[in-house]
C-alpha atoms as a PDB file:
ATOM      1  CA  MET A   1      25.355 -48.226   6.273  1.00  0.00           C
ATOM      2  CA  LEU A   2      29.126 -48.221   6.062  1.00  0.00           C
ATOM      3  CA  PHE A   3      29.421 -45.861   9.048  1.00  0.00           C
ATOM      4  CA  ALA A   4      26.906 -47.910  11.023  1.00  0.00           C
ATOM      5  CA  ALA A   5      28.797 -51.117  10.276  1.00  0.00           C
ATOM      6  CA  SER A   6      32.064 -49.543  11.436  1.00  0.00           C
ATOM      7  CA  GLY A   7      30.527 -48.505  14.772  1.00  0.00           C
ATOM      8  CA  LEU A   8      30.897 -44.758  14.177  1.00  0.00           C
ATOM      9  CA  LEU A   9      27.147 -44.212  14.587  1.00  0.00           C
ATOM     10  CA  ASP A  10      26.720 -46.216  17.803  1.00  0.00           C
ATOM     11  CA  ASP A  11      24.499 -44.244  20.229  1.00  0.00           C
ATOM     12  CA  TYR A  12      23.884 -41.511  17.611  1.00  0.00           C
ATOM     13  CA  TRP A  13      20.781 -40.623  15.613  1.00  0.00           C
ATOM     14  CA  ALA A  14      21.007 -41.427  11.913  1.00  0.00           C
ATOM     15  CA  THR A  15      18.792 -41.283   8.871  1.00  0.00           C
ATOM     16  CA  THR A  16      18.638 -43.821   6.080  1.00  0.00           C
ATOM     17  CA  HIS A  17      16.768 -44.486   2.873  1.00  0.00           C
ATOM     18  CA  TRP A  18      13.144 -45.398   3.541  1.00  0.00           C
ATOM     19  CA  ALA A  19      13.701 -48.878   2.107  1.00  0.00           C
ATOM     20  CA  PHE A  20      16.127 -49.676   4.955  1.00  0.00           C
ATOM     21  CA  LEU A  21      13.960 -48.389   7.834  1.00  0.00           C
ATOM     22  CA  GLU A  22      12.759 -51.889   8.737  1.00  0.00           C
ATOM     23  CA  CYS A  23      16.082 -53.755   8.540  1.00  0.00           C
ATOM     24  CA  PHE A  24      18.403 -51.026   9.855  1.00  0.00           C
ATOM     25  CA  PRO A  25      17.514 -51.450  13.574  1.00  0.00           C
ATOM     26  CA  THR A  26      17.955 -55.210  13.267  1.00  0.00           C
ATOM     27  CA  LEU A  27      21.342 -54.926  11.578  1.00  0.00           C
ATOM     28  CA  PHE A  28      22.623 -52.051  13.739  1.00  0.00           C
ATOM     29  CA  PRO A  29      20.838 -52.089  17.117  1.00  0.00           C
ATOM     30  CA  LYS A  30      23.155 -49.479  18.697  1.00  0.00           C
ATOM     31  CA  VAL A  31      22.199 -46.825  16.118  1.00  0.00           C
ATOM     32  CA  LYS A  32      19.086 -44.733  16.764  1.00  0.00           C
ATOM     33  CA  VAL A  33      17.157 -44.450  13.491  1.00  0.00           C
ATOM     34  CA  ALA A  34      15.204 -41.265  12.781  1.00  0.00           C
ATOM     35  CA  ASP A  35      12.103 -41.867  10.688  1.00  0.00           C
ATOM     36  CA  ALA A  36      12.444 -38.476   8.960  1.00  0.00           C
ATOM     37  CA  ALA A  37      15.421 -36.353   7.957  1.00  0.00           C
ATOM     38  CA  PRO A  38      15.969 -33.240  10.091  1.00  0.00           C
ATOM     39  CA  GLN A  39      15.391 -29.965   8.293  1.00  0.00           C
ATOM     40  CA  TRP A  40      18.534 -28.381   9.761  1.00  0.00           C
ATOM     41  CA  PRO A  41      21.829 -29.848  10.956  1.00  0.00           C
ATOM     42  CA  LEU A  42      22.371 -30.442  14.653  1.00  0.00           C
ATOM     43  CA  VAL A  43      23.286 -27.630  17.052  1.00  0.00           C
ATOM     44  CA  GLY A  44      26.847 -26.441  16.581  1.00  0.00           C
ATOM     45  CA  VAL A  45      26.864 -27.050  12.845  1.00  0.00           C
ATOM     46  CA  LYS A  46      26.211 -24.145  10.516  1.00  0.00           C
ATOM     47  CA  PRO A  47      23.533 -24.591   7.846  1.00  0.00           C
ATOM     48  CA  PRO A  48      24.894 -24.529   4.288  1.00  0.00           C
ATOM     49  CA  GLY A  49      25.268 -20.958   3.049  1.00  0.00           C
ATOM     50  CA  SER A  50      25.323 -19.496   6.580  1.00  0.00           C
ATOM     51  CA  LYS A  51      27.350 -16.276   6.933  1.00  0.00           C
ATOM     52  CA  GLN A  52      27.570 -16.396  10.724  1.00  0.00           C
END
């Protein structure tokens, strides 16, 4: 929530604790809230333990 409040997540997808799913869009309307955590990081970021 700190990053969202600072504006760093504006126009980006973010995940949050399930308890904040209802209030997050109201508090930070410019942040796109994902309802489930992605299994792998976004393209361009290596998964932890990757040897590539």
